[in-house]
């Protein structure tokens, strides 16, 4: 049976051209008015997926 991509993971994690996994920073979507400008700025952009989580994420994305 074919392995299916986990669509929830696919929407949150992107594979770069070099094969690394990138994810969005947590804590930026709402309740920003009480956070400092510095904190909000530092949360922009994406971050690498933790090394321990990479095999699990690749399996969910159908790349294992």
N, C-alpha and C. Protein backbone atom coordinates (compact mmCIF):
# COMPACT_ATOMS: atom_id res chain seq x y z
N UNK A 1 0.84 -1.19 0.00
CA UNK A 1 0.00 0.00 0.00
C UNK A 1 0.89 1.25 0.00
N UNK A 2 0.50 2.23 -0.79
CA UNK A 2 1.29 3.46 -0.87
C UNK A 2 1.19 4.26 0.43
N UNK A 3 2.31 4.90 0.78
CA UNK A 3 2.31 5.75 1.96
C UNK A 3 1.78 7.13 1.57
N UNK A 4 0.89 7.67 2.38
CA UNK A 4 0.31 8.97 2.07
C UNK A 4 1.00 10.07 2.87
N UNK A 5 1.09 11.24 2.26
CA UNK A 5 1.64 12.41 2.92
C UNK A 5 0.67 12.87 4.01
N UNK A 6 1.20 13.21 5.17
CA UNK A 6 0.39 13.76 6.25
C UNK A 6 0.19 15.25 5.93
N UNK A 7 -1.03 15.60 5.52
CA UNK A 7 -1.28 16.95 5.01
C UNK A 7 -1.11 18.05 6.06
N UNK A 8 -1.40 17.73 7.32
CA UNK A 8 -1.20 18.72 8.38
C UNK A 8 0.26 19.09 8.52
N UNK A 9 1.14 18.09 8.39
CA UNK A 9 2.58 18.33 8.47
C UNK A 9 3.05 19.06 7.22
N UNK A 10 2.53 18.67 6.07
CA UNK A 10 2.95 19.27 4.80
C UNK A 10 2.67 20.77 4.76
N UNK A 11 1.61 21.20 5.44
CA UNK A 11 1.27 22.62 5.45
C UNK A 11 2.18 23.41 6.38
N UNK A 12 2.82 22.73 7.34
CA UNK A 12 3.62 23.42 8.36
C UNK A 12 5.11 23.32 8.14
N UNK A 13 5.56 22.29 7.43
CA UNK A 13 6.99 22.04 7.29
C UNK A 13 7.35 21.99 5.82
N UNK A 14 8.41 22.72 5.44
CA UNK A 14 8.83 22.76 4.05
C UNK A 14 10.22 22.16 3.92
N UNK A 15 10.45 21.49 2.80
CA UNK A 15 11.73 20.89 2.50
C UNK A 15 12.51 21.87 1.63
N UNK A 16 13.74 22.20 2.02
CA UNK A 16 14.56 23.13 1.24
C UNK A 16 15.19 22.37 0.07
N UNK A 17 15.81 23.11 -0.81
CA UNK A 17 16.47 22.49 -1.96
C UNK A 17 17.59 21.55 -1.57
N UNK A 18 18.24 21.84 -0.45
CA UNK A 18 19.35 20.99 0.00
C UNK A 18 18.87 19.83 0.87
N UNK A 19 17.54 19.72 1.07
CA UNK A 19 17.00 18.58 1.80
C UNK A 19 16.78 18.81 3.28
N UNK A 20 17.00 20.04 3.75
CA UNK A 20 16.75 20.34 5.17
C UNK A 20 15.28 20.69 5.37
N UNK A 21 14.82 20.57 6.60
CA UNK A 21 13.42 20.88 6.92
C UNK A 21 13.34 22.21 7.66
N UNK A 22 12.39 23.05 7.24
CA UNK A 22 12.19 24.35 7.86
C UNK A 22 10.77 24.42 8.41
N UNK A 23 10.60 25.14 9.53
CA UNK A 23 9.28 25.29 10.15
C UNK A 23 9.09 26.74 10.53
N UNK A 24 7.82 27.13 10.73
CA UNK A 24 7.52 28.48 11.19
C UNK A 24 7.84 28.61 12.67
N UNK A 25 8.20 29.81 13.09
CA UNK A 25 8.43 30.07 14.51
C UNK A 25 7.09 30.05 15.24
N UNK A 26 7.09 29.51 16.43
CA UNK A 26 5.87 29.50 17.24
C UNK A 26 5.73 30.82 17.98
N UNK A 27 4.48 31.21 18.26
CA UNK A 27 4.24 32.37 19.11
C UNK A 27 4.11 33.69 18.40
N UNK A 28 3.80 33.70 17.10
CA UNK A 28 3.72 34.95 16.36
C UNK A 28 2.30 35.22 15.85
N UNK A 29 1.41 34.24 15.92
CA UNK A 29 0.12 34.36 15.24
C UNK A 29 -0.88 35.30 15.91
N UNK A 30 -0.91 35.34 17.23
CA UNK A 30 -1.90 36.19 17.88
C UNK A 30 -1.37 36.64 19.24
N UNK A 31 -2.14 37.52 19.90
CA UNK A 31 -1.75 38.12 21.18
C UNK A 31 -0.42 38.86 21.08
N UNK A 32 -0.23 39.58 19.98
CA UNK A 32 1.05 40.25 19.74
C UNK A 32 1.13 41.64 20.37
N UNK A 33 -0.01 42.22 20.74
CA UNK A 33 0.04 43.61 21.19
C UNK A 33 0.76 43.77 22.52
N UNK A 34 0.82 42.71 23.33
CA UNK A 34 1.55 42.84 24.60
C UNK A 34 2.99 42.35 24.50
N UNK A 35 3.37 41.85 23.33
CA UNK A 35 4.76 41.42 23.14
C UNK A 35 5.58 42.61 22.67
N UNK A 36 6.84 42.65 23.05
CA UNK A 36 7.69 43.77 22.65
C UNK A 36 7.97 43.69 21.15
N UNK A 37 8.28 44.83 20.55
CA UNK A 37 8.60 44.87 19.13
C UNK A 37 9.79 43.98 18.82
N UNK A 38 10.76 43.99 19.73
CA UNK A 38 11.96 43.17 19.55
C UNK A 38 11.59 41.69 19.49
N UNK A 39 10.70 41.27 20.38
CA UNK A 39 10.30 39.86 20.44
C UNK A 39 9.55 39.45 19.17
N UNK A 40 8.66 40.32 18.70
CA UNK A 40 7.90 40.02 17.50
C UNK A 40 8.83 39.95 16.29
N UNK A 41 9.80 40.87 16.20
CA UNK A 41 10.77 40.86 15.11
C UNK A 41 11.58 39.58 15.09
N UNK A 42 12.00 39.14 16.27
CA UNK A 42 12.84 37.95 16.35
C UNK A 42 12.07 36.68 16.02
N UNK A 43 10.74 36.72 16.08
CA UNK A 43 9.93 35.55 15.76
C UNK A 43 9.63 35.42 14.27
N UNK A 44 9.98 36.44 13.48
CA UNK A 44 9.67 36.33 12.05
C UNK A 44 10.65 35.38 11.36
N UNK A 45 10.28 34.96 10.18
CA UNK A 45 11.12 34.02 9.45
C UNK A 45 10.87 32.60 9.91
N UNK A 46 11.67 31.68 9.40
CA UNK A 46 11.49 30.29 9.77
C UNK A 46 12.70 29.76 10.51
N UNK A 47 12.58 28.56 11.04
CA UNK A 47 13.62 27.96 11.85
C UNK A 47 13.81 26.52 11.41
N UNK A 48 14.99 25.96 11.65
CA UNK A 48 15.19 24.55 11.29
C UNK A 48 14.44 23.63 12.24
N UNK A 49 14.04 22.48 11.73
CA UNK A 49 13.41 21.46 12.56
C UNK A 49 14.51 20.81 13.41
N UNK A 50 14.21 20.53 14.68
CA UNK A 50 15.19 19.93 15.58
C UNK A 50 15.68 18.60 15.02
N UNK A 51 16.97 18.34 15.23
CA UNK A 51 17.60 17.14 14.68
C UNK A 51 16.88 15.86 15.09
N UNK A 52 16.40 15.81 16.34
CA UNK A 52 15.73 14.61 16.84
C UNK A 52 14.39 14.38 16.14
N UNK A 53 13.78 15.45 15.60
CA UNK A 53 12.46 15.33 14.98
C UNK A 53 12.51 15.08 13.47
N UNK A 54 13.68 15.26 12.87
CA UNK A 54 13.79 15.17 11.41
C UNK A 54 13.34 13.82 10.86
N UNK A 55 13.77 12.67 11.41
CA UNK A 55 13.33 11.39 10.83
C UNK A 55 11.80 11.22 10.87
N UNK A 56 11.18 11.64 11.97
CA UNK A 56 9.72 11.52 12.09
C UNK A 56 9.01 12.42 11.09
N UNK A 57 9.51 13.65 10.93
CA UNK A 57 8.89 14.58 9.99
C UNK A 57 9.04 14.10 8.55
N UNK A 58 10.20 13.56 8.22
CA UNK A 58 10.41 13.06 6.86
C UNK A 58 9.47 11.89 6.57
N UNK A 59 9.23 11.06 7.57
CA UNK A 59 8.32 9.93 7.39
C UNK A 59 6.90 10.45 7.15
N UNK A 60 6.49 11.48 7.91
CA UNK A 60 5.16 12.06 7.73
C UNK A 60 5.01 12.70 6.35
N UNK A 61 6.12 13.24 5.83
CA UNK A 61 6.08 13.89 4.53
C UNK A 61 6.24 12.90 3.37
N UNK A 62 6.44 11.62 3.71
CA UNK A 62 6.61 10.61 2.67
C UNK A 62 7.98 10.63 2.04
N UNK A 63 8.99 11.11 2.79
CA UNK A 63 10.34 11.22 2.25
C UNK A 63 11.31 10.24 2.91
N UNK A 64 10.80 9.33 3.73
CA UNK A 64 11.67 8.44 4.49
C UNK A 64 12.29 7.36 3.61
